[in-house]
Amino acid sequence: MLASETLPHPSLPSSSLSYRSLNRTLQAYLCVLKGFTNLIFDPPSPNPLSKPSVPTASSQSALPSATSLPGYPETSFLDSARLVTFSTDAADATAMYMFLMLYRQLVFFDTNPRRCSSSEMPKVTESDLSQLKTEIRDIASCHLGYCFTRSLPDEEVCGEGSAKKPNDKEWERWQKAARDVVLQIAMRATEVQNRNL
């Protein structure tokens, strides 16, 4: 952080903070905050020797061992289970956000170029979004953010010729759930567009 000239800050959109000019307490606070944020949103890659499994909803309740979380700092050993849960929740929230963005794009995609008045634009209500979130969670009973946490072995080749592995069952389950969610989103977006005709 000392190497960076300035740090962006949401409260100061027009300017940014100079890390070097801050007092030592604020510097330490920002370093710890950035470190934990990085551990949550960009968790360490698993040790290739131990081949740990990616955390799923069923394995979150089990207390991780020291070898199952390589790359985490020793000072966070007691909080490593919580960090894994936070990482899973962050991945799930990101996937949910992406699905909702797809919904909004489909709702506001206008196939009729002659319709240009804003009064004819579809309206998305809070109840529409709440219902869709519930349906997404119900349809995708698996870990929504699995696509962000799945680690590919070096020998696995993506594409049609990739060999099936025993641990691919979770990935196949996620792909099926994602397809089902996209179909539900398309159906709900069409309903909102037709409601405003």
N, C-alpha and C. Protein backbone atom coordinates (compact mmCIF):
# COMPACT_ATOMS: atom_id res chain seq x y z
N MET A 1 0.82 -1.20 0.00
CA MET A 1 0.00 0.00 0.00
C MET A 1 0.86 1.26 0.00
N LEU A 2 2.08 1.15 0.54
CA LEU A 2 2.98 2.29 0.49
C LEU A 2 3.40 2.60 -0.94
N ALA A 3 3.43 1.59 -1.78
CA ALA A 3 3.83 1.79 -3.17
C ALA A 3 2.76 2.53 -3.97
N SER A 4 1.50 2.43 -3.54
CA SER A 4 0.43 3.13 -4.27
C SER A 4 0.44 4.60 -3.89
N GLU A 5 0.27 5.43 -4.88
CA GLU A 5 0.27 6.88 -4.65
C GLU A 5 -0.95 7.31 -3.85
N THR A 6 -2.14 6.93 -4.33
CA THR A 6 -3.38 7.32 -3.68
C THR A 6 -4.33 6.13 -3.61
N LEU A 7 -5.30 6.24 -2.73
CA LEU A 7 -6.31 5.21 -2.57
C LEU A 7 -7.68 5.81 -2.87
N PRO A 8 -8.46 5.17 -3.74
CA PRO A 8 -9.82 5.70 -3.98
C PRO A 8 -10.67 5.52 -2.75
N HIS A 9 -11.59 6.44 -2.53
CA HIS A 9 -12.47 6.38 -1.37
C HIS A 9 -13.88 6.75 -1.80
N PRO A 10 -14.91 5.92 -1.43
CA PRO A 10 -16.28 6.20 -1.89
C PRO A 10 -16.84 7.51 -1.35
N SER A 11 -16.38 7.96 -0.18
CA SER A 11 -16.87 9.22 0.36
C SER A 11 -16.25 10.43 -0.33
N LEU A 12 -15.14 10.21 -1.03
CA LEU A 12 -14.46 11.28 -1.73
C LEU A 12 -14.33 10.93 -3.21
N PRO A 13 -15.45 10.92 -3.96
CA PRO A 13 -15.38 10.48 -5.35
C PRO A 13 -14.50 11.35 -6.24
N SER A 14 -14.43 12.64 -5.92
CA SER A 14 -13.65 13.54 -6.78
C SER A 14 -12.16 13.48 -6.47
N SER A 15 -11.81 12.99 -5.29
CA SER A 15 -10.40 12.90 -4.92
C SER A 15 -10.13 11.54 -4.30
N SER A 16 -8.95 11.37 -3.77
CA SER A 16 -8.60 10.10 -3.14
C SER A 16 -7.67 10.37 -1.97
N LEU A 17 -7.48 9.33 -1.15
CA LEU A 17 -6.64 9.45 0.03
C LEU A 17 -5.18 9.19 -0.30
N SER A 18 -4.33 9.91 0.35
CA SER A 18 -2.91 9.63 0.23
C SER A 18 -2.53 8.76 1.42
N TYR A 19 -2.17 7.50 1.14
CA TYR A 19 -1.88 6.54 2.21
C TYR A 19 -0.70 7.00 3.06
N ARG A 20 0.30 7.55 2.42
CA ARG A 20 1.51 7.98 3.15
C ARG A 20 1.24 9.11 4.12
N SER A 21 0.24 9.96 3.83
CA SER A 21 -0.04 11.11 4.69
C SER A 21 -0.91 10.73 5.90
N LEU A 22 -1.47 9.53 5.94
CA LEU A 22 -2.30 9.11 7.06
C LEU A 22 -1.42 8.76 8.26
N ASN A 23 -2.01 8.87 9.47
CA ASN A 23 -1.24 8.48 10.65
C ASN A 23 -1.12 6.96 10.73
N ARG A 24 -0.24 6.47 11.58
CA ARG A 24 0.07 5.03 11.64
C ARG A 24 -1.14 4.19 12.00
N THR A 25 -2.02 4.70 12.85
CA THR A 25 -3.21 3.95 13.24
C THR A 25 -4.12 3.72 12.03
N LEU A 26 -4.37 4.77 11.26
CA LEU A 26 -5.20 4.63 10.08
C LEU A 26 -4.54 3.76 9.02
N GLN A 27 -3.23 3.85 8.90
CA GLN A 27 -2.52 2.99 7.95
C GLN A 27 -2.68 1.52 8.33
N ALA A 28 -2.52 1.21 9.62
CA ALA A 28 -2.68 -0.17 10.08
C ALA A 28 -4.11 -0.64 9.88
N TYR A 29 -5.08 0.23 10.19
CA TYR A 29 -6.49 -0.12 10.01
C TYR A 29 -6.79 -0.44 8.55
N LEU A 30 -6.34 0.41 7.63
CA LEU A 30 -6.58 0.19 6.21
C LEU A 30 -5.89 -1.08 5.71
N CYS A 31 -4.69 -1.36 6.21
CA CYS A 31 -3.98 -2.58 5.79
C CYS A 31 -4.74 -3.83 6.22
N VAL A 32 -5.20 -3.85 7.47
CA VAL A 32 -5.94 -5.01 7.96
C VAL A 32 -7.26 -5.15 7.20
N LEU A 33 -7.95 -4.04 7.00
CA LEU A 33 -9.22 -4.07 6.28
C LEU A 33 -9.03 -4.57 4.84
N LYS A 34 -8.01 -4.06 4.17
CA LYS A 34 -7.73 -4.51 2.79
C LYS A 34 -7.32 -5.98 2.78
N GLY A 35 -6.54 -6.40 3.76
CA GLY A 35 -6.13 -7.80 3.82
C GLY A 35 -7.30 -8.75 3.99
N PHE A 36 -8.21 -8.44 4.91
CA PHE A 36 -9.36 -9.31 5.11
C PHE A 36 -10.32 -9.27 3.92
N THR A 37 -10.46 -8.10 3.32
CA THR A 37 -11.30 -8.00 2.12
C THR A 37 -10.72 -8.86 1.00
N ASN A 38 -9.41 -8.82 0.83
CA ASN A 38 -8.77 -9.65 -0.20
C ASN A 38 -8.93 -11.13 0.11
N LEU A 39 -8.86 -11.52 1.39
CA LEU A 39 -9.05 -12.93 1.75
C LEU A 39 -10.47 -13.40 1.45
N ILE A 40 -11.44 -12.49 1.55
CA ILE A 40 -12.83 -12.87 1.31
C ILE A 40 -13.14 -12.90 -0.19
N PHE A 41 -12.77 -11.84 -0.91
CA PHE A 41 -13.13 -11.76 -2.32
C PHE A 41 -12.13 -12.44 -3.25
N ASP A 42 -10.94 -12.68 -2.79
CA ASP A 42 -9.93 -13.36 -3.60
C ASP A 42 -9.18 -14.34 -2.69
N PRO A 43 -9.87 -15.44 -2.28
CA PRO A 43 -9.25 -16.36 -1.33
C PRO A 43 -8.01 -17.03 -1.93
N PRO A 44 -7.09 -17.44 -1.08
CA PRO A 44 -5.89 -18.10 -1.58
C PRO A 44 -6.24 -19.37 -2.34
N SER A 45 -5.45 -19.65 -3.35
CA SER A 45 -5.69 -20.88 -4.11
C SER A 45 -5.27 -22.07 -3.27
N PRO A 46 -5.96 -23.19 -3.43
CA PRO A 46 -5.63 -24.37 -2.62
C PRO A 46 -4.25 -24.90 -2.95
N ASN A 47 -3.67 -25.56 -1.96
CA ASN A 47 -2.36 -26.18 -2.11
C ASN A 47 -2.48 -27.35 -3.08
N PRO A 48 -1.69 -27.39 -4.16
CA PRO A 48 -1.83 -28.48 -5.12
C PRO A 48 -1.51 -29.84 -4.54
N LEU A 49 -0.75 -29.89 -3.44
CA LEU A 49 -0.40 -31.18 -2.84
C LEU A 49 -1.55 -31.78 -2.04
N SER A 50 -2.34 -30.91 -1.38
CA SER A 50 -3.40 -31.44 -0.52
C SER A 50 -4.71 -31.65 -1.26
N LYS A 51 -4.92 -30.97 -2.41
CA LYS A 51 -6.14 -31.08 -3.22
C LYS A 51 -7.41 -30.97 -2.37
N PRO A 52 -7.60 -29.84 -1.63
CA PRO A 52 -8.82 -29.71 -0.85
C PRO A 52 -10.03 -29.48 -1.74
N SER A 53 -11.18 -29.84 -1.23
CA SER A 53 -12.39 -29.63 -2.00
C SER A 53 -12.88 -28.21 -1.79
N VAL A 54 -13.63 -27.71 -2.75
CA VAL A 54 -14.21 -26.38 -2.65
C VAL A 54 -15.35 -26.44 -1.65
N PRO A 55 -15.46 -25.44 -0.75
CA PRO A 55 -16.51 -25.50 0.25
C PRO A 55 -17.89 -25.44 -0.38
N THR A 56 -18.77 -26.30 0.08
CA THR A 56 -20.15 -26.30 -0.36
C THR A 56 -21.03 -26.03 0.84
N ALA A 57 -22.31 -25.92 0.58
CA ALA A 57 -23.24 -25.62 1.68
C ALA A 57 -23.21 -26.73 2.73
N SER A 58 -23.01 -27.98 2.32
CA SER A 58 -23.00 -29.08 3.28
C SER A 58 -21.69 -29.16 4.05
N SER A 59 -20.58 -28.68 3.45
CA SER A 59 -19.29 -28.80 4.13
C SER A 59 -18.95 -27.59 4.96
N GLN A 60 -19.79 -26.53 4.94
CA GLN A 60 -19.48 -25.34 5.70
C GLN A 60 -19.58 -25.57 7.20
N SER A 61 -20.40 -26.51 7.61
CA SER A 61 -20.58 -26.73 9.03
C SER A 61 -19.39 -27.45 9.66
N ALA A 62 -18.63 -28.15 8.85
CA ALA A 62 -17.47 -28.86 9.38
C ALA A 62 -16.34 -27.89 9.64
N LEU A 63 -15.64 -28.06 10.74
CA LEU A 63 -14.51 -27.21 11.09
C LEU A 63 -13.34 -27.56 10.20
N PRO A 64 -12.77 -26.59 9.47
CA PRO A 64 -11.68 -26.90 8.58
C PRO A 64 -10.41 -27.23 9.35
N SER A 65 -9.61 -28.10 8.76
CA SER A 65 -8.33 -28.44 9.39
C SER A 65 -7.27 -27.49 8.88
N ALA A 66 -6.09 -27.53 9.46
CA ALA A 66 -5.01 -26.64 9.07
C ALA A 66 -4.58 -26.89 7.64
N THR A 67 -4.65 -28.14 7.18
CA THR A 67 -4.22 -28.43 5.82
C THR A 67 -5.27 -28.09 4.79
N SER A 68 -6.54 -27.91 5.22
CA SER A 68 -7.59 -27.64 4.24
C SER A 68 -7.64 -26.17 3.84
N LEU A 69 -6.94 -25.30 4.54
CA LEU A 69 -6.96 -23.88 4.22
C LEU A 69 -5.55 -23.31 4.05
N PRO A 70 -4.80 -23.83 3.10
CA PRO A 70 -3.46 -23.29 2.90
C PRO A 70 -3.54 -21.89 2.32
N GLY A 71 -2.57 -21.08 2.61
CA GLY A 71 -2.53 -19.74 2.08
C GLY A 71 -3.14 -18.70 2.99
N TYR A 72 -3.92 -19.12 3.98
CA TYR A 72 -4.48 -18.15 4.92
C TYR A 72 -3.41 -17.82 5.96
N PRO A 73 -3.37 -16.58 6.42
CA PRO A 73 -2.37 -16.23 7.43
C PRO A 73 -2.60 -16.99 8.74
N GLU A 74 -1.53 -17.26 9.42
CA GLU A 74 -1.62 -18.01 10.68
C GLU A 74 -2.44 -17.26 11.72
N THR A 75 -2.40 -15.93 11.67
CA THR A 75 -3.15 -15.13 12.65
C THR A 75 -4.66 -15.26 12.48
N SER A 76 -5.11 -15.73 11.31
CA SER A 76 -6.55 -15.90 11.10
C SER A 76 -6.97 -17.36 11.21
N PHE A 77 -6.13 -18.19 11.81
CA PHE A 77 -6.43 -19.62 11.89
C PHE A 77 -7.76 -19.88 12.58
N LEU A 78 -8.03 -19.19 13.70
CA LEU A 78 -9.28 -19.42 14.42
C LEU A 78 -10.49 -18.88 13.67
N ASP A 79 -10.27 -17.93 12.78
CA ASP A 79 -11.36 -17.36 12.00
C ASP A 79 -11.44 -17.91 10.59
N SER A 80 -10.66 -18.93 10.28
CA SER A 80 -10.61 -19.43 8.90
C SER A 80 -11.97 -19.98 8.44
N ALA A 81 -12.71 -20.63 9.31
CA ALA A 81 -14.03 -21.14 8.93
C ALA A 81 -14.96 -19.98 8.60
N ARG A 82 -14.88 -18.92 9.37
CA ARG A 82 -15.70 -17.74 9.11
C ARG A 82 -15.29 -17.08 7.79
N LEU A 83 -13.99 -17.03 7.49
CA LEU A 83 -13.52 -16.44 6.24
C LEU A 83 -14.00 -17.25 5.04
N VAL A 84 -14.01 -18.58 5.16
CA VAL A 84 -14.52 -19.42 4.08
C VAL A 84 -16.01 -19.16 3.88
N THR A 85 -16.75 -19.01 4.97
CA THR A 85 -18.18 -18.72 4.88
C THR A 85 -18.41 -17.35 4.23
N PHE A 86 -17.61 -16.36 4.63
CA PHE A 86 -17.73 -15.04 4.02
C PHE A 86 -17.43 -15.10 2.52
N SER A 87 -16.41 -15.88 2.13
CA SER A 87 -16.06 -16.02 0.72
C SER A 87 -17.21 -16.66 -0.06
N THR A 88 -17.81 -17.67 0.53
CA THR A 88 -18.95 -18.34 -0.11
C THR A 88 -20.13 -17.38 -0.24
N ASP A 89 -20.41 -16.62 0.82
CA ASP A 89 -21.50 -15.65 0.78
C ASP A 89 -21.24 -14.55 -0.25
N ALA A 90 -19.99 -14.10 -0.34
CA ALA A 90 -19.64 -13.06 -1.33
C ALA A 90 -19.83 -13.59 -2.75
N ALA A 91 -19.44 -14.84 -2.99
CA ALA A 91 -19.62 -15.44 -4.32
C ALA A 91 -21.11 -15.60 -4.63
N ASP A 92 -21.90 -16.02 -3.63
CA ASP A 92 -23.35 -16.15 -3.83
C ASP A 92 -24.00 -14.80 -4.12
N ALA A 93 -23.60 -13.76 -3.39
CA ALA A 93 -24.16 -12.42 -3.61
C ALA A 93 -23.79 -11.91 -5.00
N THR A 94 -22.58 -12.18 -5.44
CA THR A 94 -22.15 -11.76 -6.78
C THR A 94 -22.96 -12.47 -7.85
N ALA A 95 -23.18 -13.77 -7.69
CA ALA A 95 -23.98 -14.52 -8.67
C ALA A 95 -25.42 -14.01 -8.69
N MET A 96 -25.99 -13.74 -7.50
CA MET A 96 -27.36 -13.21 -7.44
C MET A 96 -27.43 -11.87 -8.14
N TYR A 97 -26.45 -11.02 -7.92
CA TYR A 97 -26.42 -9.70 -8.57
C TYR A 97 -26.36 -9.86 -10.09
N MET A 98 -25.56 -10.80 -10.57
CA MET A 98 -25.46 -11.03 -12.01
C MET A 98 -26.79 -11.52 -12.59
N PHE A 99 -27.47 -12.41 -11.87
CA PHE A 99 -28.78 -12.88 -12.34
C PHE A 99 -29.79 -11.73 -12.38
N LEU A 100 -29.76 -10.85 -11.37
CA LEU A 100 -30.69 -9.72 -11.35
C LEU A 100 -30.36 -8.71 -12.46
N MET A 101 -29.08 -8.55 -12.77
CA MET A 101 -28.70 -7.68 -13.89
C MET A 101 -29.21 -8.26 -15.21
N LEU A 102 -29.12 -9.57 -15.37
CA LEU A 102 -29.66 -10.21 -16.57
C LEU A 102 -31.17 -9.95 -16.67
N TYR A 103 -31.86 -10.08 -15.54
CA TYR A 103 -33.30 -9.83 -15.50
C TYR A 103 -33.62 -8.41 -15.96
N ARG A 104 -32.90 -7.43 -15.41
CA ARG A 104 -33.14 -6.04 -15.79
C ARG A 104 -32.85 -5.80 -17.27
N GLN A 105 -31.78 -6.41 -17.77
CA GLN A 105 -31.46 -6.24 -19.19
C GLN A 105 -32.56 -6.83 -20.07
N LEU A 106 -33.08 -7.99 -19.67
CA LEU A 106 -34.15 -8.60 -20.47
C LEU A 106 -35.45 -7.79 -20.38
N VAL A 107 -35.75 -7.25 -19.21
CA VAL A 107 -36.97 -6.46 -19.05
C VAL A 107 -36.92 -5.21 -19.91
N PHE A 108 -35.78 -4.54 -19.92
CA PHE A 108 -35.69 -3.26 -20.61
C PHE A 108 -35.18 -3.38 -22.05
N PHE A 109 -34.98 -4.60 -22.53
CA PHE A 109 -34.62 -4.78 -23.93
C PHE A 109 -35.85 -4.53 -24.77
N ASP A 110 -35.75 -3.57 -25.64
CA ASP A 110 -36.91 -3.17 -26.43
C ASP A 110 -36.78 -3.70 -27.85
N THR A 111 -37.67 -4.59 -28.23
CA THR A 111 -37.66 -5.13 -29.58
C THR A 111 -38.41 -4.23 -30.55
N ASN A 112 -39.16 -3.28 -30.03
CA ASN A 112 -39.92 -2.36 -30.86
C ASN A 112 -39.20 -1.02 -30.89
N PRO A 113 -38.49 -0.68 -31.99
CA PRO A 113 -37.74 0.57 -32.03
C PRO A 113 -38.63 1.81 -32.07
N ARG A 114 -39.92 1.65 -32.41
CA ARG A 114 -40.82 2.82 -32.48
C ARG A 114 -41.28 3.25 -31.10
N ARG A 115 -41.17 2.38 -30.11
CA ARG A 115 -41.61 2.75 -28.77
C ARG A 115 -40.49 3.53 -28.10
N CYS A 116 -40.66 4.83 -27.96
CA CYS A 116 -39.58 5.66 -27.42
C CYS A 116 -39.99 6.47 -26.21
N SER A 117 -41.27 6.52 -25.88
CA SER A 117 -41.67 7.32 -24.72
C SER A 117 -41.40 6.57 -23.44
N SER A 118 -40.96 7.31 -22.43
CA SER A 118 -40.61 6.68 -21.15
C SER A 118 -41.83 6.15 -20.42
N SER A 119 -43.04 6.64 -20.77
CA SER A 119 -44.25 6.15 -20.10
C SER A 119 -44.56 4.71 -20.48
N GLU A 120 -44.03 4.27 -21.64
CA GLU A 120 -44.28 2.90 -22.08
C GLU A 120 -43.21 1.92 -21.61
N MET A 121 -42.20 2.43 -20.93
CA MET A 121 -41.13 1.54 -20.44
C MET A 121 -41.67 0.64 -19.34
N PRO A 122 -41.24 -0.61 -19.31
CA PRO A 122 -41.69 -1.52 -18.25
C PRO A 122 -41.25 -1.03 -16.87
N LYS A 123 -42.03 -1.35 -15.89
CA LYS A 123 -41.72 -0.96 -14.51
C LYS A 123 -41.41 -2.23 -13.71
N VAL A 124 -40.26 -2.23 -13.06
CA VAL A 124 -39.88 -3.35 -12.18
C VAL A 124 -40.12 -2.89 -10.75
N THR A 125 -40.97 -3.60 -10.03
CA THR A 125 -41.30 -3.23 -8.66
C THR A 125 -40.43 -4.02 -7.68
N GLU A 126 -40.44 -3.56 -6.45
CA GLU A 126 -39.70 -4.27 -5.39
C GLU A 126 -40.25 -5.68 -5.20
N SER A 127 -41.57 -5.83 -5.34
CA SER A 127 -42.16 -7.16 -5.17
C SER A 127 -41.72 -8.09 -6.30
N ASP A 128 -41.52 -7.54 -7.52
CA ASP A 128 -41.01 -8.36 -8.62
C ASP A 128 -39.61 -8.89 -8.28
N LEU A 129 -38.76 -7.99 -7.80
CA LEU A 129 -37.39 -8.39 -7.47
C LEU A 129 -37.36 -9.36 -6.30
N SER A 130 -38.18 -9.10 -5.30
CA SER A 130 -38.22 -9.99 -4.14
C SER A 130 -38.70 -11.39 -4.53
N GLN A 131 -39.73 -11.45 -5.36
CA GLN A 131 -40.24 -12.74 -5.82
C GLN A 131 -39.18 -13.46 -6.64
N LEU A 132 -38.48 -12.73 -7.51
CA LEU A 132 -37.46 -13.35 -8.35
C LEU A 132 -36.29 -13.87 -7.52
N LYS A 133 -35.87 -13.11 -6.52
CA LYS A 133 -34.78 -13.59 -5.64
C LYS A 133 -35.18 -14.89 -4.95
N THR A 134 -36.41 -14.93 -4.46
CA THR A 134 -36.89 -16.15 -3.80
C THR A 134 -36.90 -17.32 -4.78
N GLU A 135 -37.38 -17.08 -5.99
CA GLU A 135 -37.42 -18.15 -6.99
C GLU A 135 -36.03 -18.61 -7.38
N ILE A 136 -35.08 -17.68 -7.50
CA ILE A 136 -33.70 -18.06 -7.84
C ILE A 136 -33.14 -18.96 -6.75
N ARG A 137 -33.34 -18.58 -5.49
CA ARG A 137 -32.82 -19.40 -4.39
C ARG A 137 -33.50 -20.77 -4.35
N ASP A 138 -34.79 -20.81 -4.66
CA ASP A 138 -35.51 -22.09 -4.65
C ASP A 138 -35.07 -22.99 -5.79
N ILE A 139 -34.90 -22.42 -6.97
CA ILE A 139 -34.51 -23.22 -8.14
C ILE A 139 -33.06 -23.69 -7.99
N ALA A 140 -32.19 -22.77 -7.63
CA ALA A 140 -30.77 -23.11 -7.49
C ALA A 140 -30.50 -23.46 -6.03
N SER A 141 -30.93 -24.62 -5.64
CA SER A 141 -30.74 -25.03 -4.25
C SER A 141 -29.27 -25.25 -3.93
N CYS A 142 -28.45 -25.35 -4.97
CA CYS A 142 -27.02 -25.52 -4.75
C CYS A 142 -26.38 -24.16 -4.49
N HIS A 143 -25.11 -24.17 -4.30
CA HIS A 143 -24.30 -22.99 -4.02
C HIS A 143 -24.26 -22.10 -5.26
N LEU A 144 -24.95 -20.93 -5.21
CA LEU A 144 -25.09 -20.05 -6.38
C LEU A 144 -23.75 -19.59 -6.93
N GLY A 145 -22.82 -19.27 -6.06
CA GLY A 145 -21.53 -18.73 -6.48
C GLY A 145 -20.47 -19.77 -6.74
N TYR A 146 -20.88 -21.01 -6.93
CA TYR A 146 -19.91 -22.09 -7.14
C TYR A 146 -19.01 -21.83 -8.34
N CYS A 147 -19.54 -21.13 -9.35
CA CYS A 147 -18.74 -20.86 -10.55
C CYS A 147 -17.53 -19.99 -10.23
N PHE A 148 -17.58 -19.20 -9.16
CA PHE A 148 -16.46 -18.34 -8.79
C PHE A 148 -15.44 -19.04 -7.90
N THR A 149 -15.87 -20.09 -7.22
CA THR A 149 -14.98 -20.76 -6.27
C THR A 149 -14.44 -22.07 -6.80
N ARG A 150 -14.93 -22.53 -7.94
CA ARG A 150 -14.50 -23.82 -8.49
C ARG A 150 -13.08 -23.69 -9.01
N SER A 151 -12.21 -24.55 -8.55
CA SER A 151 -10.83 -24.56 -9.04
C SER A 151 -10.66 -25.70 -10.02
N LEU A 152 -10.11 -25.39 -11.17
CA LEU A 152 -9.91 -26.39 -12.21
C LEU A 152 -8.54 -27.04 -12.06
N PRO A 153 -8.46 -28.36 -12.08
CA PRO A 153 -7.16 -29.00 -12.08
C PRO A 153 -6.41 -28.65 -13.35
N ASP A 154 -5.08 -28.70 -13.29
CA ASP A 154 -4.25 -28.33 -14.43
C ASP A 154 -4.51 -29.22 -15.63
N GLU A 155 -4.78 -30.50 -15.39
CA GLU A 155 -4.93 -31.43 -16.51
C GLU A 155 -6.32 -31.38 -17.14
N GLU A 156 -7.27 -30.69 -16.50
CA GLU A 156 -8.62 -30.64 -17.05
C GLU A 156 -8.66 -29.66 -18.22
N VAL A 157 -9.28 -30.09 -19.29
CA VAL A 157 -9.41 -29.27 -20.48
C VAL A 157 -10.87 -28.86 -20.61
N CYS A 158 -11.12 -27.57 -20.78
CA CYS A 158 -12.49 -27.11 -20.93
C CYS A 158 -12.96 -27.40 -22.35
N GLY A 159 -14.21 -27.70 -22.49
CA GLY A 159 -14.78 -27.96 -23.81
C GLY A 159 -15.44 -29.31 -23.85
N GLU A 160 -15.81 -29.72 -25.05
CA GLU A 160 -16.53 -30.97 -25.21
C GLU A 160 -15.67 -32.18 -24.92
N GLY A 161 -14.37 -32.08 -25.15
CA GLY A 161 -13.50 -33.23 -24.97
C GLY A 161 -13.00 -33.42 -23.56
N SER A 162 -13.50 -32.62 -22.61
CA SER A 162 -12.99 -32.75 -21.25
C SER A 162 -13.50 -34.03 -20.61
N ALA A 163 -12.61 -34.68 -19.90
CA ALA A 163 -12.98 -35.93 -19.24
C ALA A 163 -13.79 -35.63 -18.00
N LYS A 164 -14.75 -36.49 -17.69
CA LYS A 164 -15.56 -36.33 -16.49
C LYS A 164 -14.75 -36.79 -15.29
N LYS A 165 -14.77 -35.98 -14.26
CA LYS A 165 -14.08 -36.30 -13.02
C LYS A 165 -15.13 -36.59 -11.95
N PRO A 166 -14.73 -37.32 -10.90
CA PRO A 166 -15.70 -37.59 -9.84
C PRO A 166 -16.21 -36.32 -9.16
N ASN A 167 -15.36 -35.28 -9.06
CA ASN A 167 -15.77 -34.05 -8.39
C ASN A 167 -16.54 -33.11 -9.30
N ASP A 168 -16.83 -33.51 -10.53
CA ASP A 168 -17.58 -32.67 -11.46
C ASP A 168 -19.07 -32.72 -11.21
N LYS A 169 -19.55 -33.56 -10.31
CA LYS A 169 -20.99 -33.66 -10.06
C LYS A 169 -21.54 -32.33 -9.54
N GLU A 170 -20.80 -31.67 -8.68
CA GLU A 170 -21.24 -30.38 -8.16
C GLU A 170 -21.28 -29.34 -9.28
N TRP A 171 -20.28 -29.38 -10.17
CA TRP A 171 -20.24 -28.45 -11.30
C TRP A 171 -21.41 -28.70 -12.25
N GLU A 172 -21.72 -29.95 -12.55
CA GLU A 172 -22.85 -30.28 -13.42
C GLU A 172 -24.16 -29.85 -12.77
N ARG A 173 -24.27 -30.04 -11.47
CA ARG A 173 -25.46 -29.61 -10.74
C ARG A 173 -25.63 -28.09 -10.82
N TRP A 174 -24.51 -27.37 -10.68
CA TRP A 174 -24.56 -25.91 -10.77
C TRP A 174 -24.96 -25.48 -12.17
N GLN A 175 -24.41 -26.10 -13.21
CA GLN A 175 -24.73 -25.73 -14.59
C GLN A 175 -26.21 -25.94 -14.88
N LYS A 176 -26.77 -27.05 -14.42
CA LYS A 176 -28.19 -27.32 -14.62
C LYS A 176 -29.04 -26.29 -13.89
N ALA A 177 -28.65 -25.98 -12.65
CA ALA A 177 -29.40 -24.98 -11.88
C ALA A 177 -29.31 -23.61 -12.55
N ALA A 178 -28.15 -23.25 -13.08
CA ALA A 178 -27.99 -21.95 -13.74
C ALA A 178 -28.87 -21.87 -14.98
N ARG A 179 -28.95 -22.95 -15.75
CA ARG A 179 -29.83 -22.97 -16.93
C ARG A 179 -31.29 -22.79 -16.51
N ASP A 180 -31.69 -23.48 -15.45
CA ASP A 180 -33.07 -23.37 -14.97
C ASP A 180 -33.37 -21.95 -14.47
N VAL A 181 -32.40 -21.34 -13.80
CA VAL A 181 -32.57 -19.97 -13.30
C VAL A 181 -32.71 -19.00 -14.47
N VAL A 182 -31.89 -19.15 -15.50
CA VAL A 182 -31.96 -18.25 -16.66
C VAL A 182 -33.32 -18.38 -17.35
N LEU A 183 -33.85 -19.59 -17.45
CA LEU A 183 -35.19 -19.77 -18.05
C LEU A 183 -36.25 -19.07 -17.20
N GLN A 184 -36.14 -19.18 -15.88
CA GLN A 184 -37.11 -18.52 -15.00
C GLN A 184 -37.00 -17.00 -15.12
N ILE A 185 -35.78 -16.50 -15.21
CA ILE A 185 -35.57 -15.05 -15.37
C ILE A 185 -36.19 -14.57 -16.68
N ALA A 186 -35.97 -15.33 -17.75
CA ALA A 186 -36.54 -14.94 -19.04
C ALA A 186 -38.07 -14.93 -18.99
N MET A 187 -38.65 -15.91 -18.31
CA MET A 187 -40.10 -15.97 -18.19
C MET A 187 -40.62 -14.77 -17.41
N ARG A 188 -39.98 -14.44 -16.28
CA ARG A 188 -40.43 -13.30 -15.45
C ARG A 188 -40.23 -11.98 -16.19
N ALA A 189 -39.15 -11.84 -16.96
CA ALA A 189 -38.92 -10.61 -17.71
C ALA A 189 -39.98 -10.43 -18.79
N THR A 190 -40.36 -11.52 -19.43
CA THR A 190 -41.41 -11.46 -20.45
C THR A 190 -42.74 -11.07 -19.82
N GLU A 191 -43.03 -11.59 -18.63
CA GLU A 191 -44.26 -11.23 -17.94
C GLU A 191 -44.31 -9.74 -17.64
N VAL A 192 -43.18 -9.17 -17.20
CA VAL A 192 -43.15 -7.74 -16.88
C VAL A 192 -43.33 -6.92 -18.15
N GLN A 193 -42.69 -7.33 -19.24
CA GLN A 193 -42.86 -6.60 -20.51
C GLN A 193 -44.31 -6.67 -21.00
N ASN A 194 -44.93 -7.84 -20.91
CA ASN A 194 -46.32 -8.00 -21.36
C ASN A 194 -47.30 -7.27 -20.45
N ARG A 195 -46.97 -7.14 -19.20
CA ARG A 195 -47.84 -6.44 -18.23
C ARG A 195 -47.96 -4.96 -18.59
N ASN A 196 -46.91 -4.41 -19.19
CA ASN A 196 -46.90 -2.98 -19.49
C ASN A 196 -47.38 -2.66 -20.90
N LEU A 197 -47.88 -3.65 -21.63
CA LEU A 197 -48.38 -3.38 -22.98
C LEU A 197 -49.81 -2.87 -22.94
